[in-house]
Amino acid sequence: MKTRLNFKTKKEFLTKYEAIAEDYDSQRSTTFEDKKVLKEQLNIINQIIKKNQPKKILEAGCGTGRILIPLTANGNKIDGFDLSKNMLNQLSKKDPKIRTKIGDIEKIPYKSDTYDLVYSITVLIHLTNFEKGFREMYRVAKKGGLVVFDLPNKCSFWTRLSLLFDPNKKRTRLYSLKELKEYFKGYEYQITGIFSYARTFYKIHVLRYIINFLDNYLKLPISQRTQFIVIVKKN
């Protein structure tokens, strides 16, 4: 099923985020769902950092620093870049010591073979094709380094249900586990996932704590998670 897209062009994407930058954090940090999503995203990156101990880290599409700043607070040295000047201004207000640049994930403004870990959360899903962004992230990673990013799973039961009941809703691009395995078969990679159940449940007061428990202790197979995390090692 063909989905209606949130953004058809990079210009549309940039225009929106330039406009909402000042209120972005307050809009994305107030609800139970917002806090749960950020916690899960931070957890997955933190686990990768603890396991691999990268010395040089880059966040591609760091925005206002909602992920980057908590990670640097743990002692990690992280650079960041973003396409939106206004988003980076908000980050700088919170921590002016963090090194950032304005840059496009499809043309990353750093030299090749520079970073031990390059990660990006909720960015590649907005591109016309995630492959351009991935290849640039792979380029700036060192040999033996890791490239980490997320993509939504179109074959998740919850995604299919949402498509069935609300086919005209605007969404990000969706991918299947089969498609990703085919694309990454030439790489050393791992695909894991977060959110076993629909995030919509976290908006419902009666259900949110039950779903949170299930998401933590009764995880579905990777093929059914609503969000993939792709981890690629550069050879």
C-alpha atoms as a PDB file:
ATOM      1  CA  MET A   1       0.000   0.000   0.000  1.00  0.00           C
ATOM      2  CA  LYS A   2       1.341   3.405  -0.962  1.00  0.00           C
ATOM      3  CA  THR A   3       1.388   5.854   1.943  1.00  0.00           C
ATOM      4  CA  ARG A   4       0.905   9.609   2.007  1.00  0.00           C
ATOM      5  CA  LEU A   5       4.177  11.197   3.075  1.00  0.00           C
ATOM      6  CA  ASN A   6       4.816  13.805   5.753  1.00  0.00           C
ATOM      7  CA  PHE A   7       7.436  15.421   3.530  1.00  0.00           C
ATOM      8  CA  LYS A   8       7.907  15.026  -0.205  1.00  0.00           C
ATOM      9  CA  THR A   9      11.025  17.177  -0.413  1.00  0.00           C
ATOM     10  CA  LYS A  10      13.936  18.177   1.800  1.00  0.00           C
ATOM     11  CA  LYS A  11      12.805  21.809   1.547  1.00  0.00           C
ATOM     12  CA  GLU A  12       9.443  20.949   3.116  1.00  0.00           C
ATOM     13  CA  PHE A  13      11.217  19.152   5.953  1.00  0.00           C
ATOM     14  CA  LEU A  14      13.622  22.035   6.604  1.00  0.00           C
ATOM     15  CA  THR A  15      10.880  24.680   6.448  1.00  0.00           C
ATOM     16  CA  LYS A  16       8.863  22.911   9.120  1.00  0.00           C
ATOM     17  CA  TYR A  17      11.737  22.398  11.546  1.00  0.00           C
ATOM     18  CA  GLU A  18      13.069  25.919  11.137  1.00  0.00           C
ATOM     19  CA  ALA A  19       9.600  27.171  12.066  1.00  0.00           C
ATOM     20  CA  ILE A  20       9.033  24.956  15.134  1.00  0.00           C
ATOM     21  CA  ALA A  21      12.589  24.980  16.541  1.00  0.00           C
ATOM     22  CA  GLU A  22      11.888  27.344  19.438  1.00  0.00           C
ATOM     23  CA  ASP A  23       8.973  25.250  20.714  1.00  0.00           C
ATOM     24  CA  TYR A  24      10.278  21.856  19.610  1.00  0.00           C
ATOM     25  CA  ASP A  25      11.502  20.627  23.003  1.00  0.00           C
ATOM     26  CA  SER A  26       8.359  21.661  24.860  1.00  0.00           C
ATOM     27  CA  GLN A  27       6.181  19.986  22.216  1.00  0.00           C
ATOM     28  CA  ARG A  28       8.192  16.755  22.381  1.00  0.00           C
ATOM     29  CA  SER A  29       8.781  16.289  26.106  1.00  0.00           C
ATOM     30  CA  THR A  30       5.503  16.708  27.976  1.00  0.00           C
ATOM     31  CA  THR A  31       3.497  13.500  27.507  1.00  0.00           C
ATOM     32  CA  PHE A  32       4.057   9.955  28.748  1.00  0.00           C
ATOM     33  CA  GLU A  33       4.546   8.882  25.122  1.00  0.00           C
ATOM     34  CA  ASP A  34       7.200  11.576  24.498  1.00  0.00           C
ATOM     35  CA  LYS A  35       9.174  10.555  27.588  1.00  0.00           C
ATOM     36  CA  LYS A  36       8.917   6.858  26.736  1.00  0.00           C
ATOM     37  CA  VAL A  37      10.122   7.379  23.163  1.00  0.00           C
ATOM     38  CA  LEU A  38      13.111   9.484  24.247  1.00  0.00           C
ATOM     39  CA  LYS A  39      14.020   6.986  26.988  1.00  0.00           C
ATOM     40  CA  GLU A  40      14.016   4.076  24.536  1.00  0.00           C
ATOM     41  CA  GLN A  41      16.066   5.984  21.969  1.00  0.00           C
ATOM     42  CA  LEU A  42      18.637   6.995  24.589  1.00  0.00           C
ATOM     43  CA  ASN A  43      18.788   3.454  25.957  1.00  0.00           C
ATOM     44  CA  ILE A  44      19.652   1.892  22.604  1.00  0.00           C
ATOM     45  CA  ILE A  45      22.447   4.402  21.877  1.00  0.00           C
ATOM     46  CA  ASN A  46      23.762   4.154  25.444  1.00  0.00           C
ATOM     47  CA  GLN A  47      23.927   0.354  25.187  1.00  0.00           C
ATOM     48  CA  ILE A  48      25.905   0.594  21.949  1.00  0.00           C
ATOM     49  CA  ILE A  49      28.307   3.122  23.476  1.00  0.00           C
ATOM     50  CA  LYS A  50      28.874   1.031  26.629  1.00  0.00           C
ATOM     51  CA  LYS A  51      29.468  -2.118  24.605  1.00  0.00           C
ATOM     52  CA  ASN A  52      31.830  -0.594  22.024  1.00  0.00           C
ATOM     53  CA  GLN A  53      33.494   2.297  23.897  1.00  0.00           C
ATOM     54  CA  PRO A  54      33.812   4.648  20.880  1.00  0.00           C
ATOM     55  CA  LYS A  55      36.169   7.595  21.368  1.00  0.00           C
ATOM     56  CA  LYS A  56      34.824   9.845  18.612  1.00  0.00           C
ATOM     57  CA  ILE A  57      31.062  10.038  18.097  1.00  0.00           C
ATOM     58  CA  LEU A  58      28.924  11.967  15.613  1.00  0.00           C
ATOM     59  CA  GLU A  59      25.169  12.529  15.708  1.00  0.00           C
ATOM     60  CA  ALA A  60      23.738  13.119  12.242  1.00  0.00           C
ATOM     61  CA  GLY A  61      20.696  15.371  12.525  1.00  0.00           C
ATOM     62  CA  CYS A  62      21.164  16.328  16.176  1.00  0.00           C
ATOM     63  CA  GLY A  63      18.390  18.935  16.222  1.00  0.00           C
ATOM     64  CA  THR A  64      18.044  20.655  19.597  1.00  0.00           C
ATOM     65  CA  GLY A  65      20.212  18.040  21.305  1.00  0.00           C
ATOM     66  CA  ARG A  66      17.492  15.986  22.974  1.00  0.00           C
ATOM     67  CA  ILE A  67      19.643  12.870  22.522  1.00  0.00           C
ATOM     68  CA  LEU A  68      23.105  14.400  22.153  1.00  0.00           C
ATOM     69  CA  ILE A  69      23.051  16.475  25.352  1.00  0.00           C
ATOM     70  CA  PRO A  70      22.064  13.639  27.747  1.00  0.00           C
ATOM     71  CA  LEU A  71      24.752  11.457  26.170  1.00  0.00           C
ATOM     72  CA  THR A  72      27.431  14.130  26.598  1.00  0.00           C
ATOM     73  CA  ALA A  73      26.320  14.517  30.216  1.00  0.00           C
ATOM     74  CA  ASN A  74      27.478  10.924  30.682  1.00  0.00           C
ATOM     75  CA  GLY A  75      30.991  11.944  29.652  1.00  0.00           C
ATOM     76  CA  ASN A  76      30.826  11.063  25.961  1.00  0.00           C
ATOM     77  CA  LYS A  77      32.495  13.427  23.475  1.00  0.00           C
ATOM     78  CA  ILE A  78      30.038  13.927  20.629  1.00  0.00           C
ATOM     79  CA  ASP A  79      29.941  16.227  17.618  1.00  0.00           C
ATOM     80  CA  GLY A  80      26.665  17.032  15.913  1.00  0.00           C
ATOM     81  CA  PHE A  81      25.263  18.571  12.773  1.00  0.00           C
ATOM     82  CA  ASP A  82      21.813  19.451  11.525  1.00  0.00           C
ATOM     83  CA  LEU A  83      20.230  20.973   8.446  1.00  0.00           C
ATOM     84  CA  SER A  84      18.272  23.475  10.550  1.00  0.00           C
ATOM     85  CA  LYS A  85      20.117  26.549  11.829  1.00  0.00           C
ATOM     86  CA  ASN A  86      17.273  27.343  14.226  1.00  0.00           C
ATOM     87  CA  MET A  87      17.371  23.872  15.787  1.00  0.00           C
ATOM     88  CA  LEU A  88      21.120  24.186  16.354  1.00  0.00           C
ATOM     89  CA  ASN A  89      20.588  27.602  17.945  1.00  0.00           C
ATOM     90  CA  GLN A  90      18.325  25.971  20.527  1.00  0.00           C
ATOM     91  CA  LEU A  91      20.988  23.324  21.221  1.00  0.00           C
ATOM     92  CA  SER A  92      23.645  26.004  21.641  1.00  0.00           C
ATOM     93  CA  LYS A  93      21.520  27.835  24.203  1.00  0.00           C
ATOM     94  CA  LYS A  94      21.433  24.672  26.315  1.00  0.00           C
ATOM     95  CA  ASP A  95      25.125  23.818  25.952  1.00  0.00           C
ATOM     96  CA  PRO A  96      27.323  26.195  23.928  1.00  0.00           C
ATOM     97  CA  LYS A  97      30.378  23.952  24.438  1.00  0.00           C
ATOM     98  CA  ILE A  98      29.053  21.207  22.140  1.00  0.00           C
ATOM     99  CA  ARG A  99      30.637  21.361  18.681  1.00  0.00           C
ATOM    100  CA  THR A 100      28.047  21.527  15.912  1.00  0.00           C
ATOM    101  CA  LYS A 101      27.812  22.403  12.235  1.00  0.00           C
ATOM    102  CA  ILE A 102      25.033  23.130   9.794  1.00  0.00           C
ATOM    103  CA  GLY A 103      25.023  20.227   7.376  1.00  0.00           C
ATOM    104  CA  ASP A 104      23.018  17.878   5.188  1.00  0.00           C
ATOM    105  CA  ILE A 105      22.996  14.163   6.028  1.00  0.00           C
ATOM    106  CA  GLU A 106      23.180  13.460   2.295  1.00  0.00           C
ATOM    107  CA  LYS A 107      26.419  15.476   2.155  1.00  0.00           C
ATOM    108  CA  ILE A 108      27.942  15.286   5.630  1.00  0.00           C
ATOM    109  CA  PRO A 109      30.412  18.149   6.368  1.00  0.00           C
ATOM    110  CA  TYR A 110      33.128  15.942   7.895  1.00  0.00           C
ATOM    111  CA  LYS A 111      36.078  14.038   6.483  1.00  0.00           C
ATOM    112  CA  SER A 112      35.944  10.339   5.638  1.00  0.00           C
ATOM    113  CA  ASP A 113      37.061   7.756   8.216  1.00  0.00           C
ATOM    114  CA  THR A 114      36.749  10.127  11.184  1.00  0.00           C
ATOM    115  CA  TYR A 115      34.330   8.652  13.744  1.00  0.00           C
ATOM    116  CA  ASP A 116      34.113   5.427  15.772  1.00  0.00           C
ATOM    117  CA  LEU A 117      30.329   5.755  15.986  1.00  0.00           C
ATOM    118  CA  VAL A 118      27.962   7.672  13.722  1.00  0.00           C
ATOM    119  CA  TYR A 119      24.315   7.539  14.755  1.00  0.00           C
ATOM    120  CA  SER A 120      21.100   9.180  13.621  1.00  0.00           C
ATOM    121  CA  ILE A 121      17.633   8.947  15.172  1.00  0.00           C
ATOM    122  CA  THR A 122      14.395   9.911  13.399  1.00  0.00           C
ATOM    123  CA  VAL A 123      16.175  11.488  10.430  1.00  0.00           C
ATOM    124  CA  LEU A 124      16.663   8.932   7.649  1.00  0.00           C
ATOM    125  CA  ILE A 125      12.957   8.112   7.811  1.00  0.00           C
ATOM    126  CA  HIS A 126      12.232  11.538   6.286  1.00  0.00           C
ATOM    127  CA  LEU A 127      14.514  11.162   3.253  1.00  0.00           C
ATOM    128  CA  THR A 128      13.249  10.272  -0.207  1.00  0.00           C
ATOM    129  CA  ASN A 129      15.620   7.312   0.048  1.00  0.00           C
ATOM    130  CA  PHE A 130      17.524   6.399   3.211  1.00  0.00           C
ATOM    131  CA  GLU A 131      20.463   5.004   1.208  1.00  0.00           C
ATOM    132  CA  LYS A 132      22.070   8.393   0.436  1.00  0.00           C
ATOM    133  CA  GLY A 133      22.152   9.349   4.072  1.00  0.00           C
ATOM    134  CA  PHE A 134      23.404   5.933   5.121  1.00  0.00           C
ATOM    135  CA  ARG A 135      26.250   5.981   2.610  1.00  0.00           C
ATOM    136  CA  GLU A 136      27.412   9.367   3.907  1.00  0.00           C
ATOM    137  CA  MET A 137      27.279   8.156   7.514  1.00  0.00           C
ATOM    138  CA  TYR A 138      29.256   5.083   6.454  1.00  0.00           C
ATOM    139  CA  ARG A 139      31.818   7.300   4.696  1.00  0.00           C
ATOM    140  CA  VAL A 140      32.656   9.361   7.780  1.00  0.00           C
ATOM    141  CA  ALA A 141      32.853   6.285  10.044  1.00  0.00           C
ATOM    142  CA  LYS A 142      36.288   4.801  10.692  1.00  0.00           C
ATOM    143  CA  LYS A 143      37.176   1.281   9.630  1.00  0.00           C
ATOM    144  CA  GLY A 144      35.764  -0.935  12.351  1.00  0.00           C
ATOM    145  CA  GLY A 145      33.401   1.851  13.406  1.00  0.00           C
ATOM    146  CA  LEU A 146      29.616   1.631  13.680  1.00  0.00           C
ATOM    147  CA  VAL A 147      26.759   3.336  11.838  1.00  0.00           C
ATOM    148  CA  VAL A 148      23.433   3.275  13.707  1.00  0.00           C
ATOM    149  CA  PHE A 149      20.007   4.563  12.643  1.00  0.00           C
ATOM    150  CA  ASP A 150      16.295   3.819  12.894  1.00  0.00           C
ATOM    151  CA  LEU A 151      13.609   3.075  10.302  1.00  0.00           C
ATOM    152  CA  PRO A 152       9.885   2.267  10.746  1.00  0.00           C
ATOM    153  CA  ASN A 153       8.654  -1.279  10.105  1.00  0.00           C
ATOM    154  CA  LYS A 154       5.834  -1.472   7.567  1.00  0.00           C
ATOM    155  CA  CYS A 155       5.193  -5.159   8.351  1.00  0.00           C
ATOM    156  CA  SER A 156       4.540  -4.681  12.052  1.00  0.00           C
ATOM    157  CA  PHE A 157       1.028  -5.783  13.006  1.00  0.00           C
ATOM    158  CA  TRP A 158       0.388  -2.349  14.495  1.00  0.00           C
ATOM    159  CA  THR A 159       1.569  -0.507  11.395  1.00  0.00           C
ATOM    160  CA  ARG A 160      -0.619  -2.671   9.171  1.00  0.00           C
ATOM    161  CA  LEU A 161      -3.580  -2.065  11.446  1.00  0.00           C
ATOM    162  CA  SER A 162      -2.987   1.678  11.322  1.00  0.00           C
ATOM    163  CA  LEU A 163      -2.713   1.602   7.524  1.00  0.00           C
ATOM    164  CA  LEU A 164      -5.967  -0.339   7.344  1.00  0.00           C
ATOM    165  CA  PHE A 165      -7.961   2.001   9.573  1.00  0.00           C
ATOM    166  CA  ASP A 166      -6.338   5.277   8.544  1.00  0.00           C
ATOM    167  CA  PRO A 167      -4.853   4.860   5.033  1.00  0.00           C
ATOM    168  CA  ASN A 168      -4.860   8.618   4.316  1.00  0.00           C
ATOM    169  CA  LYS A 169      -2.789   9.627   7.334  1.00  0.00           C
ATOM    170  CA  LYS A 170       0.534  11.264   6.444  1.00  0.00           C
ATOM    171  CA  ARG A 171       3.472   9.085   7.467  1.00  0.00           C
ATOM    172  CA  THR A 172       7.198   8.630   7.099  1.00  0.00           C
ATOM    173  CA  ARG A 173       8.534   6.070   4.622  1.00  0.00           C
ATOM    174  CA  LEU A 174       8.116   2.492   5.781  1.00  0.00           C
ATOM    175  CA  TYR A 175      10.450  -0.485   5.298  1.00  0.00           C
ATOM    176  CA  SER A 176      10.269  -4.249   5.738  1.00  0.00           C
ATOM    177  CA  LEU A 177      12.861  -6.486   7.382  1.00  0.00           C
ATOM    178  CA  LYS A 178      13.186  -8.344   4.083  1.00  0.00           C
ATOM    179  CA  GLU A 179      14.000  -5.122   2.198  1.00  0.00           C
ATOM    180  CA  LEU A 180      16.623  -4.103   4.740  1.00  0.00           C
ATOM    181  CA  LYS A 181      18.271  -7.534   4.774  1.00  0.00           C
ATOM    182  CA  GLU A 182      18.478  -7.446   0.991  1.00  0.00           C
ATOM    183  CA  TYR A 183      20.050  -3.987   0.975  1.00  0.00           C
ATOM    184  CA  PHE A 184      22.565  -4.702   3.749  1.00  0.00           C
ATOM    185  CA  LYS A 185      23.573  -8.206   2.676  1.00  0.00           C
ATOM    186  CA  GLY A 186      26.948  -6.851   1.501  1.00  0.00           C
ATOM    187  CA  TYR A 187      27.693  -5.340   4.913  1.00  0.00           C
ATOM    188  CA  GLU A 188      28.407  -6.641   8.400  1.00  0.00           C
ATOM    189  CA  TYR A 189      25.170  -5.655  10.093  1.00  0.00           C
ATOM    190  CA  GLN A 190      22.634  -6.332  12.814  1.00  0.00           C
ATOM    191  CA  ILE A 191      18.980  -5.336  12.900  1.00  0.00           C
ATOM    192  CA  THR A 192      17.209  -5.019  16.220  1.00  0.00           C
ATOM    193  CA  GLY A 193      14.118  -3.070  17.172  1.00  0.00           C
ATOM    194  CA  ILE A 194      12.238  -1.027  19.752  1.00  0.00           C
ATOM    195  CA  PHE A 195       8.545  -0.608  20.573  1.00  0.00           C
ATOM    196  CA  SER A 196       6.844  -3.992  20.382  1.00  0.00           C
ATOM    197  CA  TYR A 197       3.426  -2.374  20.588  1.00  0.00           C
ATOM    198  CA  ALA A 198       1.773   0.650  19.060  1.00  0.00           C
ATOM    199  CA  ARG A 199       3.014   3.907  20.568  1.00  0.00           C
ATOM    200  CA  THR A 200      -0.566   5.209  20.340  1.00  0.00           C
ATOM    201  CA  PHE A 201      -1.379   3.171  23.452  1.00  0.00           C
ATOM    202  CA  TYR A 202       0.874   5.435  25.499  1.00  0.00           C
ATOM    203  CA  LYS A 203      -1.580   8.263  24.856  1.00  0.00           C
ATOM    204  CA  ILE A 204      -4.380   6.332  26.622  1.00  0.00           C
ATOM    205  CA  HIS A 205      -4.140   6.733  30.390  1.00  0.00           C
ATOM    206  CA  VAL A 206      -5.819   3.411  31.228  1.00  0.00           C
ATOM    207  CA  LEU A 207      -3.525   1.396  28.937  1.00  0.00           C
ATOM    208  CA  ARG A 208      -0.159   3.180  29.039  1.00  0.00           C
ATOM    209  CA  TYR A 209       1.278   1.388  32.086  1.00  0.00           C
ATOM    210  CA  ILE A 210       0.132  -2.031  30.886  1.00  0.00           C
ATOM    211  CA  ILE A 211       1.664  -1.471  27.453  1.00  0.00           C
ATOM    212  CA  ASN A 212       4.831  -0.088  29.012  1.00  0.00           C
ATOM    213  CA  PHE A 213       5.158  -3.287  31.077  1.00  0.00           C
ATOM    214  CA  LEU A 214       4.565  -5.478  28.009  1.00  0.00           C
ATOM    215  CA  ASP A 215       7.040  -3.446  25.952  1.00  0.00           C
ATOM    216  CA  ASN A 216       9.678  -3.990  28.628  1.00  0.00           C
ATOM    217  CA  TYR A 217       9.068  -7.635  29.493  1.00  0.00           C
ATOM    218  CA  LEU A 218       7.115  -9.272  26.661  1.00  0.00           C
ATOM    219  CA  LYS A 219       8.864  -8.071  23.529  1.00  0.00           C
ATOM    220  CA  LEU A 220       7.675  -9.260  20.132  1.00  0.00           C
ATOM    221  CA  PRO A 221      10.050 -10.732  17.502  1.00  0.00           C
ATOM    222  CA  ILE A 222      12.172  -8.192  15.601  1.00  0.00           C
ATOM    223  CA  SER A 223       9.984  -8.645  12.527  1.00  0.00           C
ATOM    224  CA  GLN A 224       7.021  -7.263  14.497  1.00  0.00           C
ATOM    225  CA  ARG A 225       8.664  -4.338  16.308  1.00  0.00           C
ATOM    226  CA  THR A 226       7.279  -1.026  15.153  1.00  0.00           C
ATOM    227  CA  GLN A 227      10.746   0.533  14.819  1.00  0.00           C
ATOM    228  CA  PHE A 228      13.938  -1.059  13.474  1.00  0.00           C
ATOM    229  CA  ILE A 229      17.401  -0.120  14.717  1.00  0.00           C
ATOM    230  CA  VAL A 230      20.056  -0.910  12.085  1.00  0.00           C
ATOM    231  CA  ILE A 231      23.665  -1.300  13.253  1.00  0.00           C
ATOM    232  CA  VAL A 232      26.306  -1.551  10.509  1.00  0.00           C
ATOM    233  CA  LYS A 233      30.020  -2.142  11.097  1.00  0.00           C
ATOM    234  CA  LYS A 234      32.409  -0.554   8.602  1.00  0.00           C
ATOM    235  CA  ASN A 235      34.922  -3.034   7.221  1.00  0.00           C
END
